[in-house]
Structure formats: structure tokens, C-alpha cells
Amino acid sequence: MTSTEPRKSPNQARARATVTAILDATARILAEDGFEAVNTNRVAEVAGVSVGSLYQYFPNKGALVGAVAVRHTEATAAVIAAGVHAAADGDLPGLVKALIRSTIQAHAANPKLRRAIIEELPRIGRPARIAELKRGIHQSVVALLTARRSRIKVKDIPMAAFVIINTVEHLTHAAELASYSARDLAQLERELNDFILAYLVSREN
């Protein structure tokens, strides 16, 4: 399996700009032409940097795609975190609504890139940073559900958080694959709200 870890992190502003250009180029090629079209020479050309500069940070295409996946997941996690943070002091329905809406909004950004990442990570390996980000989202949802424990019938809060996060994420991805319209996504959001609230407050297990 190809390594998805970069060689080093950029420390100076110029180096960070170089890495940003490299990742932007990789993301564009990956989203538009697919994984097979990604190679170090083409990425360097599109980014406007030398292949030698690219190799300072990324040993292969797996590391390039892995870094793009990490950056995309960080952006997704930030949108979801902002959404649930805004609802942190609200009631349970408000929290569920915020979690669903922010997840749908986060995944709406560059669906072609997201699709390519999902397809390729099992083949090249999942960077450790992605697992860390997903753990952070899960821990946040666990904490927010625990704070509303008196309203929730489900006994296993960590499992409930896992079910909610993955249900919303996977159904949103399925909607992307089906090319849902804005109206369809709004309907999906309403259905998910009803489904998750019923799961949390209408059963004991």
C-alpha cells in the first residue's frame, strides 16, 4: 500500500505557499480527471513548481492525495464544528438540526473531490490525521448529547453519536451520487431530522 504521509511540514510562509499550490493542483486534477491522472510531474506543472520542490514534501502520489484528503476533511470538520457549536446552548431538536444542516453544507463543497477521496482512500490507506479528526467530531457529539441526557432514551450515548454521524454522512454522500437538487436536499434534511429525533427520544435500549 502506498504511503499517504508527507515527508515534512512547511515552516516558512514561502514553503507553505508552495505546499498550498501543490495541494490545490492535486485536488483539481483528482476532482476533474481522477486518481489515475494524478502524477508528480503533472501536479508540479499545474502548481507551477519544480518536481524537486514537490518531492521535498511529498514522496509519491499517495502522499499527495492523502494530504488533499486531510485538508478536505479538516475543512469539513470545521464546518460541522461551527454548526454544532452555534447550537451548543440550545435544545435537543436544535442540536440535531444544526448537526444535520452543517454536515450537508460541509459535504456540498466540491462533491467531485469528496467522491474521489472516498473511492481512493481504501486503496492508498487512510492518513492518521483523518482518524483523529473523526474522533474529534464523535467526541463533540457525545458531549453535546450527554448534556441533554434527560431528554434521550438511548442508553449508549457513544453508540448513538456514531449512528447519527454516520447516518447523516452516508445518506448525504448517497444524495451526492444521485445528484440531488437543492429541493431534494431540503427534503432529505427534514426526513433526517424526524428520523434522528425519533431514534433518540422514542426508544430505550
N, C-alpha and C. Protein backbone atom coordinates (compact mmCIF):
# COMPACT_ATOMS: atom_id res chain seq x y z
N MET A 1 0.84 -1.19 0.00
CA MET A 1 0.00 0.00 0.00
C MET A 1 0.88 1.25 0.00
N THR A 2 0.54 2.24 -0.80
CA THR A 2 1.33 3.46 -0.93
C THR A 2 1.21 4.29 0.33
N SER A 3 2.33 4.88 0.77
CA SER A 3 2.30 5.75 1.94
C SER A 3 1.50 7.01 1.66
N THR A 4 0.67 7.41 2.63
CA THR A 4 -0.09 8.64 2.48
C THR A 4 0.44 9.75 3.38
N GLU A 5 1.60 9.53 3.98
CA GLU A 5 2.15 10.53 4.89
C GLU A 5 3.17 11.41 4.16
N PRO A 6 3.10 12.74 4.37
CA PRO A 6 4.08 13.64 3.75
C PRO A 6 5.46 13.47 4.37
N ARG A 7 6.48 13.98 3.65
CA ARG A 7 7.85 13.87 4.17
C ARG A 7 8.07 14.83 5.33
N LYS A 8 7.58 16.06 5.18
CA LYS A 8 7.77 17.07 6.23
C LYS A 8 6.70 18.13 6.07
N SER A 9 6.58 18.97 7.10
CA SER A 9 5.62 20.07 7.06
C SER A 9 6.34 21.37 6.76
N PRO A 10 5.71 22.27 5.99
CA PRO A 10 6.36 23.55 5.69
C PRO A 10 6.34 24.47 6.91
N ASN A 11 7.43 25.15 7.15
CA ASN A 11 7.53 26.03 8.32
C ASN A 11 7.48 27.50 7.96
N GLN A 12 8.06 27.87 6.82
CA GLN A 12 8.09 29.28 6.42
C GLN A 12 6.94 29.60 5.48
N ALA A 13 6.62 30.89 5.37
CA ALA A 13 5.48 31.33 4.55
C ALA A 13 5.64 30.90 3.09
N ARG A 14 6.84 31.03 2.56
CA ARG A 14 7.06 30.66 1.17
C ARG A 14 6.85 29.17 0.96
N ALA A 15 7.33 28.38 1.91
CA ALA A 15 7.15 26.92 1.81
C ALA A 15 5.68 26.56 1.93
N ARG A 16 4.95 27.24 2.83
CA ARG A 16 3.51 26.97 2.97
C ARG A 16 2.77 27.32 1.69
N ALA A 17 3.17 28.40 1.04
CA ALA A 17 2.53 28.78 -0.23
C ALA A 17 2.80 27.73 -1.30
N THR A 18 4.01 27.19 -1.31
CA THR A 18 4.35 26.13 -2.28
C THR A 18 3.49 24.90 -2.05
N VAL A 19 3.37 24.48 -0.81
CA VAL A 19 2.57 23.30 -0.49
C VAL A 19 1.10 23.54 -0.83
N THR A 20 0.60 24.74 -0.55
CA THR A 20 -0.79 25.06 -0.89
C THR A 20 -1.02 24.94 -2.39
N ALA A 21 -0.08 25.47 -3.18
CA ALA A 21 -0.20 25.39 -4.64
C ALA A 21 -0.17 23.93 -5.10
N ILE A 22 0.67 23.12 -4.48
CA ILE A 22 0.76 21.70 -4.84
C ILE A 22 -0.55 20.98 -4.52
N LEU A 23 -1.10 21.26 -3.34
CA LEU A 23 -2.34 20.59 -2.95
C LEU A 23 -3.53 21.07 -3.78
N ASP A 24 -3.55 22.37 -4.10
CA ASP A 24 -4.61 22.89 -4.98
C ASP A 24 -4.57 22.19 -6.33
N ALA A 25 -3.37 22.03 -6.88
CA ALA A 25 -3.22 21.36 -8.18
C ALA A 25 -3.64 19.89 -8.09
N THR A 26 -3.24 19.22 -7.02
CA THR A 26 -3.62 17.81 -6.85
C THR A 26 -5.13 17.67 -6.75
N ALA A 27 -5.75 18.53 -5.97
CA ALA A 27 -7.20 18.48 -5.79
C ALA A 27 -7.92 18.71 -7.11
N ARG A 28 -7.43 19.65 -7.90
CA ARG A 28 -8.07 19.95 -9.19
C ARG A 28 -7.97 18.75 -10.13
N ILE A 29 -6.81 18.16 -10.22
CA ILE A 29 -6.62 17.00 -11.11
C ILE A 29 -7.45 15.82 -10.62
N LEU A 30 -7.43 15.58 -9.32
CA LEU A 30 -8.16 14.45 -8.75
C LEU A 30 -9.66 14.58 -8.99
N ALA A 31 -10.20 15.79 -8.77
CA ALA A 31 -11.64 16.01 -8.94
C ALA A 31 -12.06 15.94 -10.40
N GLU A 32 -11.23 16.48 -11.28
CA GLU A 32 -11.62 16.58 -12.69
C GLU A 32 -11.30 15.33 -13.50
N ASP A 33 -10.15 14.69 -13.19
CA ASP A 33 -9.69 13.60 -14.06
C ASP A 33 -9.49 12.27 -13.34
N GLY A 34 -9.58 12.26 -12.02
CA GLY A 34 -9.47 11.01 -11.28
C GLY A 34 -8.07 10.69 -10.81
N PHE A 35 -7.98 9.67 -9.98
CA PHE A 35 -6.73 9.28 -9.33
C PHE A 35 -5.65 8.91 -10.33
N GLU A 36 -6.01 8.19 -11.37
CA GLU A 36 -5.01 7.73 -12.32
C GLU A 36 -4.31 8.88 -13.03
N ALA A 37 -4.98 10.03 -13.11
CA ALA A 37 -4.40 11.19 -13.79
C ALA A 37 -3.43 11.95 -12.90
N VAL A 38 -3.41 11.64 -11.61
CA VAL A 38 -2.50 12.32 -10.68
C VAL A 38 -1.12 11.70 -10.78
N ASN A 39 -0.13 12.52 -11.10
CA ASN A 39 1.27 12.09 -11.01
C ASN A 39 2.11 13.30 -10.65
N THR A 40 3.28 13.05 -10.12
CA THR A 40 4.08 14.15 -9.57
C THR A 40 4.47 15.17 -10.63
N ASN A 41 4.78 14.72 -11.84
CA ASN A 41 5.17 15.66 -12.89
C ASN A 41 4.02 16.59 -13.27
N ARG A 42 2.82 16.01 -13.43
CA ARG A 42 1.68 16.83 -13.81
C ARG A 42 1.28 17.78 -12.70
N VAL A 43 1.30 17.30 -11.46
CA VAL A 43 0.96 18.17 -10.33
C VAL A 43 1.93 19.33 -10.25
N ALA A 44 3.22 19.05 -10.39
CA ALA A 44 4.22 20.12 -10.33
C ALA A 44 3.98 21.14 -11.44
N GLU A 45 3.66 20.66 -12.63
CA GLU A 45 3.42 21.57 -13.76
C GLU A 45 2.21 22.46 -13.49
N VAL A 46 1.11 21.86 -13.05
CA VAL A 46 -0.10 22.64 -12.78
C VAL A 46 0.11 23.62 -11.63
N ALA A 47 0.89 23.19 -10.63
CA ALA A 47 1.15 24.04 -9.47
C ALA A 47 2.15 25.14 -9.76
N GLY A 48 2.92 24.98 -10.85
CA GLY A 48 3.94 25.97 -11.17
C GLY A 48 5.16 25.88 -10.30
N VAL A 49 5.50 24.65 -9.88
CA VAL A 49 6.70 24.44 -9.06
C VAL A 49 7.54 23.35 -9.71
N SER A 50 8.76 23.21 -9.25
CA SER A 50 9.62 22.16 -9.78
C SER A 50 9.26 20.83 -9.13
N VAL A 51 9.55 19.73 -9.84
CA VAL A 51 9.32 18.40 -9.28
C VAL A 51 10.17 18.22 -8.02
N GLY A 52 11.38 18.79 -8.02
CA GLY A 52 12.24 18.70 -6.84
C GLY A 52 11.61 19.34 -5.62
N SER A 53 10.94 20.49 -5.84
CA SER A 53 10.26 21.16 -4.72
C SER A 53 9.13 20.29 -4.20
N LEU A 54 8.40 19.66 -5.11
CA LEU A 54 7.30 18.79 -4.70
C LEU A 54 7.82 17.64 -3.85
N TYR A 55 8.93 17.02 -4.31
CA TYR A 55 9.46 15.85 -3.61
C TYR A 55 10.03 16.19 -2.23
N GLN A 56 10.29 17.46 -1.98
CA GLN A 56 10.73 17.84 -0.64
C GLN A 56 9.64 17.53 0.40
N TYR A 57 8.38 17.59 -0.05
CA TYR A 57 7.27 17.44 0.88
C TYR A 57 6.47 16.16 0.68
N PHE A 58 6.40 15.66 -0.55
CA PHE A 58 5.54 14.52 -0.84
C PHE A 58 6.32 13.46 -1.62
N PRO A 59 6.46 12.24 -1.07
CA PRO A 59 7.28 11.22 -1.72
C PRO A 59 6.62 10.55 -2.92
N ASN A 60 5.30 10.65 -3.04
CA ASN A 60 4.60 9.95 -4.11
C ASN A 60 3.17 10.47 -4.25
N LYS A 61 2.43 9.93 -5.21
CA LYS A 61 1.06 10.40 -5.44
C LYS A 61 0.13 10.03 -4.29
N GLY A 62 0.42 8.92 -3.61
CA GLY A 62 -0.40 8.56 -2.46
C GLY A 62 -0.32 9.61 -1.37
N ALA A 63 0.88 10.14 -1.13
CA ALA A 63 1.05 11.19 -0.13
C ALA A 63 0.35 12.48 -0.56
N LEU A 64 0.38 12.78 -1.87
CA LEU A 64 -0.33 13.95 -2.39
C LEU A 64 -1.83 13.83 -2.15
N VAL A 65 -2.39 12.71 -2.56
CA VAL A 65 -3.83 12.51 -2.40
C VAL A 65 -4.20 12.44 -0.92
N GLY A 66 -3.36 11.79 -0.12
CA GLY A 66 -3.62 11.74 1.32
C GLY A 66 -3.66 13.12 1.94
N ALA A 67 -2.74 14.01 1.53
CA ALA A 67 -2.71 15.36 2.07
C ALA A 67 -3.94 16.14 1.64
N VAL A 68 -4.39 15.94 0.40
CA VAL A 68 -5.62 16.58 -0.07
C VAL A 68 -6.81 16.07 0.75
N ALA A 69 -6.84 14.78 1.01
CA ALA A 69 -7.92 14.19 1.81
C ALA A 69 -7.94 14.78 3.22
N VAL A 70 -6.77 14.95 3.81
CA VAL A 70 -6.69 15.54 5.14
C VAL A 70 -7.20 16.98 5.12
N ARG A 71 -6.75 17.75 4.15
CA ARG A 71 -7.18 19.15 4.07
C ARG A 71 -8.69 19.25 3.88
N HIS A 72 -9.24 18.39 3.02
CA HIS A 72 -10.68 18.39 2.78
C HIS A 72 -11.44 17.98 4.03
N THR A 73 -10.94 16.99 4.74
CA THR A 73 -11.60 16.53 5.97
C THR A 73 -11.51 17.59 7.06
N GLU A 74 -10.38 18.29 7.13
CA GLU A 74 -10.26 19.39 8.11
C GLU A 74 -11.29 20.48 7.84
N ALA A 75 -11.48 20.82 6.56
CA ALA A 75 -12.47 21.84 6.21
C ALA A 75 -13.88 21.37 6.55
N THR A 76 -14.17 20.11 6.26
CA THR A 76 -15.47 19.54 6.58
C THR A 76 -15.71 19.55 8.09
N ALA A 77 -14.72 19.12 8.85
CA ALA A 77 -14.84 19.08 10.30
C ALA A 77 -15.05 20.47 10.88
N ALA A 78 -14.40 21.47 10.30
CA ALA A 78 -14.54 22.85 10.79
C ALA A 78 -15.96 23.36 10.59
N VAL A 79 -16.56 23.06 9.44
CA VAL A 79 -17.93 23.49 9.18
C VAL A 79 -18.90 22.81 10.15
N ILE A 80 -18.73 21.51 10.36
CA ILE A 80 -19.61 20.78 11.28
C ILE A 80 -19.43 21.29 12.71
N ALA A 81 -18.18 21.51 13.11
CA ALA A 81 -17.91 22.00 14.46
C ALA A 81 -18.55 23.37 14.68
N ALA A 82 -18.46 24.24 13.68
CA ALA A 82 -19.07 25.57 13.81
C ALA A 82 -20.59 25.47 13.93
N GLY A 83 -21.17 24.55 13.16
CA GLY A 83 -22.62 24.38 13.21
C GLY A 83 -23.11 23.90 14.55
N VAL A 84 -22.46 22.87 15.10
CA VAL A 84 -22.92 22.34 16.38
C VAL A 84 -22.55 23.28 17.53
N HIS A 85 -21.46 24.01 17.40
CA HIS A 85 -21.08 24.98 18.44
C HIS A 85 -22.14 26.06 18.56
N ALA A 86 -22.68 26.49 17.42
CA ALA A 86 -23.71 27.53 17.44
C ALA A 86 -24.97 27.06 18.15
N ALA A 87 -25.19 25.74 18.17
CA ALA A 87 -26.39 25.19 18.81
C ALA A 87 -26.09 24.59 20.18
N ALA A 88 -24.89 24.82 20.69
CA ALA A 88 -24.45 24.14 21.92
C ALA A 88 -25.33 24.47 23.11
N ASP A 89 -25.92 25.66 23.15
CA ASP A 89 -26.74 26.05 24.30
C ASP A 89 -28.23 25.86 24.05
N GLY A 90 -28.58 25.29 22.89
CA GLY A 90 -29.98 25.11 22.55
C GLY A 90 -30.54 23.77 23.01
N ASP A 91 -31.76 23.50 22.59
CA ASP A 91 -32.41 22.25 22.97
C ASP A 91 -31.99 21.12 22.03
N LEU A 92 -32.48 19.92 22.31
CA LEU A 92 -32.10 18.75 21.53
C LEU A 92 -32.51 18.87 20.06
N PRO A 93 -33.75 19.26 19.74
CA PRO A 93 -34.10 19.41 18.32
C PRO A 93 -33.22 20.42 17.59
N GLY A 94 -32.83 21.49 18.27
CA GLY A 94 -31.95 22.48 17.65
C GLY A 94 -30.58 21.93 17.37
N LEU A 95 -30.07 21.11 18.30
CA LEU A 95 -28.76 20.49 18.11
C LEU A 95 -28.79 19.53 16.92
N VAL A 96 -29.82 18.67 16.87
CA VAL A 96 -29.93 17.71 15.77
C VAL A 96 -30.03 18.44 14.44
N LYS A 97 -30.84 19.47 14.39
CA LYS A 97 -31.00 20.25 13.16
C LYS A 97 -29.67 20.86 12.73
N ALA A 98 -28.93 21.42 13.68
CA ALA A 98 -27.65 22.06 13.36
C ALA A 98 -26.64 21.04 12.87
N LEU A 99 -26.61 19.86 13.49
CA LEU A 99 -25.66 18.83 13.08
C LEU A 99 -25.96 18.36 11.66
N ILE A 100 -27.23 18.12 11.37
CA ILE A 100 -27.61 17.65 10.03
C ILE A 100 -27.33 18.72 8.99
N ARG A 101 -27.75 19.94 9.26
CA ARG A 101 -27.58 21.01 8.27
C ARG A 101 -26.11 21.29 8.01
N SER A 102 -25.30 21.34 9.06
CA SER A 102 -23.88 21.64 8.86
C SER A 102 -23.18 20.51 8.12
N THR A 103 -23.59 19.27 8.37
CA THR A 103 -22.99 18.13 7.66
C THR A 103 -23.33 18.20 6.17
N ILE A 104 -24.59 18.47 5.86
CA ILE A 104 -24.99 18.59 4.45
C ILE A 104 -24.25 19.74 3.78
N GLN A 105 -24.15 20.87 4.46
CA GLN A 105 -23.43 22.02 3.90
C GLN A 105 -21.97 21.70 3.68
N ALA A 106 -21.35 21.03 4.63
CA ALA A 106 -19.92 20.71 4.52
C ALA A 106 -19.66 19.79 3.34
N HIS A 107 -20.53 18.82 3.14
CA HIS A 107 -20.32 17.87 2.06
C HIS A 107 -20.72 18.42 0.69
N ALA A 108 -21.43 19.54 0.70
CA ALA A 108 -21.83 20.14 -0.57
C ALA A 108 -20.65 20.83 -1.26
N ALA A 109 -19.60 21.11 -0.51
CA ALA A 109 -18.42 21.77 -1.07
C ALA A 109 -17.59 20.76 -1.87
N ASN A 110 -17.47 20.98 -3.16
CA ASN A 110 -16.66 20.17 -4.06
C ASN A 110 -16.99 18.67 -3.96
N PRO A 111 -18.22 18.29 -4.32
CA PRO A 111 -18.61 16.88 -4.22
C PRO A 111 -17.78 15.95 -5.10
N LYS A 112 -17.28 16.43 -6.25
CA LYS A 112 -16.44 15.58 -7.10
C LYS A 112 -15.15 15.19 -6.38
N LEU A 113 -14.57 16.14 -5.68
CA LEU A 113 -13.34 15.84 -4.93
C LEU A 113 -13.64 14.88 -3.80
N ARG A 114 -14.70 15.12 -3.09
CA ARG A 114 -15.07 14.24 -1.97
C ARG A 114 -15.29 12.82 -2.48
N ARG A 115 -15.97 12.68 -3.59
CA ARG A 115 -16.24 11.36 -4.16
C ARG A 115 -14.93 10.64 -4.51
N ALA A 116 -14.01 11.38 -5.12
CA ALA A 116 -12.73 10.78 -5.50
C ALA A 116 -11.94 10.35 -4.27
N ILE A 117 -11.99 11.16 -3.22
CA ILE A 117 -11.27 10.81 -1.99
C ILE A 117 -11.85 9.55 -1.37
N ILE A 118 -13.17 9.47 -1.29
CA ILE A 118 -13.81 8.30 -0.70
C ILE A 118 -13.46 7.04 -1.47
N GLU A 119 -13.40 7.16 -2.79
CA GLU A 119 -13.10 6.00 -3.63
C GLU A 119 -11.65 5.53 -3.48
N GLU A 120 -10.73 6.46 -3.28
CA GLU A 120 -9.30 6.10 -3.32
C GLU A 120 -8.68 5.80 -1.98
N LEU A 121 -9.21 6.33 -0.88
CA LEU A 121 -8.56 6.11 0.41
C LEU A 121 -8.45 4.64 0.79
N PRO A 122 -9.46 3.79 0.52
CA PRO A 122 -9.27 2.38 0.85
C PRO A 122 -8.10 1.75 0.11
N ARG A 123 -7.78 2.29 -1.06
CA ARG A 123 -6.69 1.71 -1.86
C ARG A 123 -5.32 2.22 -1.41
N ILE A 124 -5.22 3.47 -1.07
CA ILE A 124 -3.91 4.04 -0.74
C ILE A 124 -3.64 4.09 0.75
N GLY A 125 -4.70 3.92 1.56
CA GLY A 125 -4.52 3.99 3.00
C GLY A 125 -5.02 5.31 3.56
N ARG A 126 -5.56 5.26 4.75
CA ARG A 126 -6.15 6.46 5.37
C ARG A 126 -5.13 7.14 6.27
N PRO A 127 -4.83 8.42 6.02
CA PRO A 127 -3.89 9.13 6.89
C PRO A 127 -4.38 9.17 8.34
N ALA A 128 -3.45 9.12 9.28
CA ALA A 128 -3.80 9.11 10.70
C ALA A 128 -4.57 10.37 11.10
N ARG A 129 -4.28 11.48 10.45
CA ARG A 129 -4.94 12.74 10.79
C ARG A 129 -6.45 12.67 10.55
N ILE A 130 -6.89 11.94 9.54
CA ILE A 130 -8.32 11.82 9.27
C ILE A 130 -9.01 11.09 10.41
N ALA A 131 -8.41 10.01 10.88
CA ALA A 131 -8.99 9.28 12.02
C ALA A 131 -9.07 10.19 13.25
N GLU A 132 -8.05 11.02 13.44
CA GLU A 132 -8.04 11.96 14.57
C GLU A 132 -9.19 12.96 14.46
N LEU A 133 -9.41 13.50 13.25
CA LEU A 133 -10.50 14.45 13.05
C LEU A 133 -11.85 13.81 13.29
N LYS A 134 -12.03 12.59 12.81
CA LYS A 134 -13.30 11.89 13.00
C LYS A 134 -13.54 11.59 14.48
N ARG A 135 -12.49 11.26 15.20
CA ARG A 135 -12.64 11.05 16.65
C ARG A 135 -13.07 12.35 17.33
N GLY A 136 -12.52 13.46 16.88
CA GLY A 136 -12.88 14.74 17.47
C GLY A 136 -14.35 15.08 17.26
N ILE A 137 -14.86 14.84 16.05
CA ILE A 137 -16.28 15.08 15.78
C ILE A 137 -17.14 14.18 16.67
N HIS A 138 -16.76 12.91 16.76
CA HIS A 138 -17.52 11.97 17.57
C HIS A 138 -17.54 12.40 19.03
N GLN A 139 -16.39 12.79 19.57
CA GLN A 139 -16.31 13.21 20.97
C GLN A 139 -17.16 14.44 21.23
N SER A 140 -17.20 15.38 20.27
CA SER A 140 -18.01 16.58 20.43
C SER A 140 -19.49 16.24 20.48
N VAL A 141 -19.92 15.36 19.59
CA VAL A 141 -21.34 14.98 19.57
C VAL A 141 -21.70 14.20 20.84
N VAL A 142 -20.82 13.34 21.30
CA VAL A 142 -21.05 12.62 22.56
C VAL A 142 -21.26 13.61 23.70
N ALA A 143 -20.40 14.62 23.78
CA ALA A 143 -20.51 15.61 24.85
C ALA A 143 -21.82 16.39 24.78
N LEU A 144 -22.22 16.76 23.58
CA LEU A 144 -23.45 17.53 23.42
C LEU A 144 -24.68 16.69 23.72
N LEU A 145 -24.66 15.43 23.34
CA LEU A 145 -25.78 14.54 23.66
C LEU A 145 -25.83 14.26 25.17
N THR A 146 -24.67 14.07 25.77
CA THR A 146 -24.61 13.80 27.20
C THR A 146 -25.20 14.96 28.00
N ALA A 147 -24.98 16.19 27.54
CA ALA A 147 -25.52 17.36 28.22
C ALA A 147 -27.04 17.41 28.15
N ARG A 148 -27.62 16.63 27.23
CA ARG A 148 -29.09 16.58 27.08
C ARG A 148 -29.61 15.20 27.45
N ARG A 149 -28.91 14.55 28.36
CA ARG A 149 -29.19 13.15 28.71
C ARG A 149 -30.61 12.94 29.18
N SER A 150 -31.20 13.92 29.84
CA SER A 150 -32.54 13.74 30.40
C SER A 150 -33.61 13.62 29.32
N ARG A 151 -33.32 14.09 28.11
CA ARG A 151 -34.28 14.03 27.02
C ARG A 151 -34.11 12.78 26.15
N ILE A 152 -33.03 12.07 26.32
CA ILE A 152 -32.65 10.99 25.39
C ILE A 152 -32.95 9.63 26.02
N LYS A 153 -33.61 8.78 25.25
CA LYS A 153 -33.94 7.43 25.71
C LYS A 153 -32.83 6.42 25.42
N VAL A 154 -32.06 6.67 24.38
CA VAL A 154 -30.98 5.73 24.04
C VAL A 154 -29.95 5.73 25.17
N LYS A 155 -29.59 4.56 25.64
CA LYS A 155 -28.71 4.47 26.79
C LYS A 155 -27.23 4.61 26.43
N ASP A 156 -26.85 4.08 25.29
CA ASP A 156 -25.44 4.10 24.88
C ASP A 156 -25.19 5.36 24.05
N ILE A 157 -24.77 6.43 24.71
CA ILE A 157 -24.58 7.71 24.04
C ILE A 157 -23.47 7.66 23.00
N PRO A 158 -22.30 7.07 23.30
CA PRO A 158 -21.27 6.99 22.25
C PRO A 158 -21.74 6.26 21.00
N MET A 159 -22.50 5.18 21.18
CA MET A 159 -23.02 4.47 20.02
C MET A 159 -24.05 5.32 19.28
N ALA A 160 -24.88 6.03 20.02
CA ALA A 160 -25.86 6.91 19.40
C ALA A 160 -25.17 7.98 18.55
N ALA A 161 -24.08 8.55 19.07
CA ALA A 161 -23.33 9.56 18.32
C ALA A 161 -22.76 8.96 17.04
N PHE A 162 -22.23 7.74 17.15
CA PHE A 162 -21.68 7.05 15.98
C PHE A 162 -22.77 6.82 14.93
N VAL A 163 -23.93 6.35 15.36
CA VAL A 163 -25.04 6.10 14.44
C VAL A 163 -25.48 7.38 13.75
N ILE A 164 -25.63 8.45 14.53
CA ILE A 164 -26.10 9.72 13.96
C ILE A 164 -25.11 10.27 12.94
N ILE A 165 -23.85 10.36 13.32
CA ILE A 165 -22.83 10.94 12.45
C ILE A 165 -22.74 10.17 11.14
N ASN A 166 -22.68 8.84 11.24
CA ASN A 166 -22.50 8.04 10.03
C ASN A 166 -23.77 7.96 9.18
N THR A 167 -24.94 7.99 9.81
CA THR A 167 -26.19 8.00 9.04
C THR A 167 -26.28 9.27 8.21
N VAL A 168 -26.02 10.40 8.84
CA VAL A 168 -26.10 11.68 8.12
C VAL A 168 -25.04 11.73 7.02
N GLU A 169 -23.82 11.33 7.35
CA GLU A 169 -22.73 11.40 6.38
C GLU A 169 -22.99 10.50 5.16
N HIS A 170 -23.41 9.27 5.41
CA HIS A 170 -23.56 8.32 4.31
C HIS A 170 -24.79 8.65 3.45
N LEU A 171 -25.86 9.11 4.08
CA LEU A 171 -27.03 9.50 3.29
C LEU A 171 -26.76 10.77 2.48
N THR A 172 -25.97 11.66 3.04
CA THR A 172 -25.57 12.86 2.28
C THR A 172 -24.72 12.46 1.09
N HIS A 173 -23.80 11.52 1.29
CA HIS A 173 -22.98 11.04 0.18
C HIS A 173 -23.84 10.36 -0.87
N ALA A 174 -24.82 9.56 -0.45
CA ALA A 174 -25.72 8.91 -1.40
C ALA A 174 -26.51 9.95 -2.20
N ALA A 175 -26.90 11.03 -1.55
CA ALA A 175 -27.62 12.10 -2.25
C ALA A 175 -26.73 12.78 -3.28
N GLU A 176 -25.44 12.93 -2.95
CA GLU A 176 -24.49 13.49 -3.91
C GLU A 176 -24.38 12.59 -5.14
N LEU A 177 -24.28 11.29 -4.91
CA LEU A 177 -24.16 10.36 -6.02
C LEU A 177 -25.40 10.37 -6.89
N ALA A 178 -26.55 10.62 -6.28
CA ALA A 178 -27.81 10.67 -7.01
C ALA A 178 -28.07 12.05 -7.62
N SER A 179 -27.12 12.97 -7.44
CA SER A 179 -27.24 14.34 -7.97
C SER A 179 -28.53 15.01 -7.50
N TYR A 180 -28.80 14.93 -6.21
CA TYR A 180 -29.99 15.55 -5.65
C TYR A 180 -29.98 17.06 -5.88
N SER A 181 -31.15 17.61 -6.13
CA SER A 181 -31.32 19.05 -6.27
C SER A 181 -31.36 19.69 -4.89
N ALA A 182 -31.33 21.02 -4.85
CA ALA A 182 -31.44 21.74 -3.57
C ALA A 182 -32.75 21.40 -2.87
N ARG A 183 -33.80 21.26 -3.66
CA ARG A 183 -35.10 20.90 -3.08
C ARG A 183 -35.06 19.49 -2.48
N ASP A 184 -34.42 18.56 -3.18
CA ASP A 184 -34.29 17.20 -2.67
C ASP A 184 -33.47 17.17 -1.37
N LEU A 185 -32.40 17.97 -1.32
CA LEU A 185 -31.56 18.01 -0.13
C LEU A 185 -32.33 18.59 1.06
N ALA A 186 -33.18 19.58 0.79
CA ALA A 186 -34.00 20.15 1.86
C ALA A 186 -34.96 19.10 2.41
N GLN A 187 -35.52 18.29 1.51
CA GLN A 187 -36.40 17.21 1.95
C GLN A 187 -35.63 16.16 2.74
N LEU A 188 -34.43 15.82 2.27
CA LEU A 188 -33.58 14.87 2.99
C LEU A 188 -33.29 15.40 4.40
N GLU A 189 -33.00 16.68 4.52
CA GLU A 189 -32.73 17.27 5.83
C GLU A 189 -33.92 17.11 6.76
N ARG A 190 -35.12 17.36 6.26
CA ARG A 190 -36.32 17.21 7.09
C ARG A 190 -36.53 15.76 7.52
N GLU A 191 -36.34 14.84 6.58
CA GLU A 191 -36.51 13.42 6.91
C GLU A 191 -35.48 12.96 7.94
N LEU A 192 -34.25 13.42 7.79
CA LEU A 192 -33.21 13.05 8.75
C LEU A 192 -33.52 13.62 10.14
N ASN A 193 -34.02 14.84 10.19
CA ASN A 193 -34.41 15.43 11.47
C ASN A 193 -35.43 14.55 12.19
N ASP A 194 -36.48 14.17 11.48
CA ASP A 194 -37.54 13.35 12.08
C ASP A 194 -36.99 11.99 12.51
N PHE A 195 -36.18 11.40 11.65
CA PHE A 195 -35.64 10.06 11.90
C PHE A 195 -34.74 10.06 13.14
N ILE A 196 -33.82 11.00 13.23
CA ILE A 196 -32.85 11.01 14.32
C ILE A 196 -33.50 11.39 15.65
N LEU A 197 -34.42 12.34 15.61
CA LEU A 197 -35.11 12.70 16.85
C LEU A 197 -35.93 11.52 17.38
N ALA A 198 -36.59 10.81 16.47
CA ALA A 198 -37.35 9.63 16.88
C ALA A 198 -36.42 8.58 17.47
N TYR A 199 -35.27 8.38 16.85
CA TYR A 199 -34.28 7.41 17.34
C TYR A 199 -33.83 7.77 18.76
N LEU A 200 -33.62 9.05 19.01
CA LEU A 200 -33.08 9.47 20.31
C LEU A 200 -34.11 9.47 21.43
N VAL A 201 -35.34 9.85 21.13
CA VAL A 201 -36.31 10.10 22.21
C VAL A 201 -37.44 9.06 22.27
N SER A 202 -37.54 8.18 21.30
CA SER A 202 -38.70 7.29 21.25
C SER A 202 -38.38 5.84 21.57
N ARG A 203 -37.15 5.54 21.93
CA ARG A 203 -36.82 4.14 22.20
C ARG A 203 -35.86 4.04 23.38
N GLU A 204 -35.89 2.92 24.03
CA GLU A 204 -34.95 2.62 25.11
C GLU A 204 -34.20 1.35 24.74
N ASN A 205 -32.87 1.40 24.85
CA ASN A 205 -32.09 0.21 24.55
C ASN A 205 -30.81 0.21 25.34
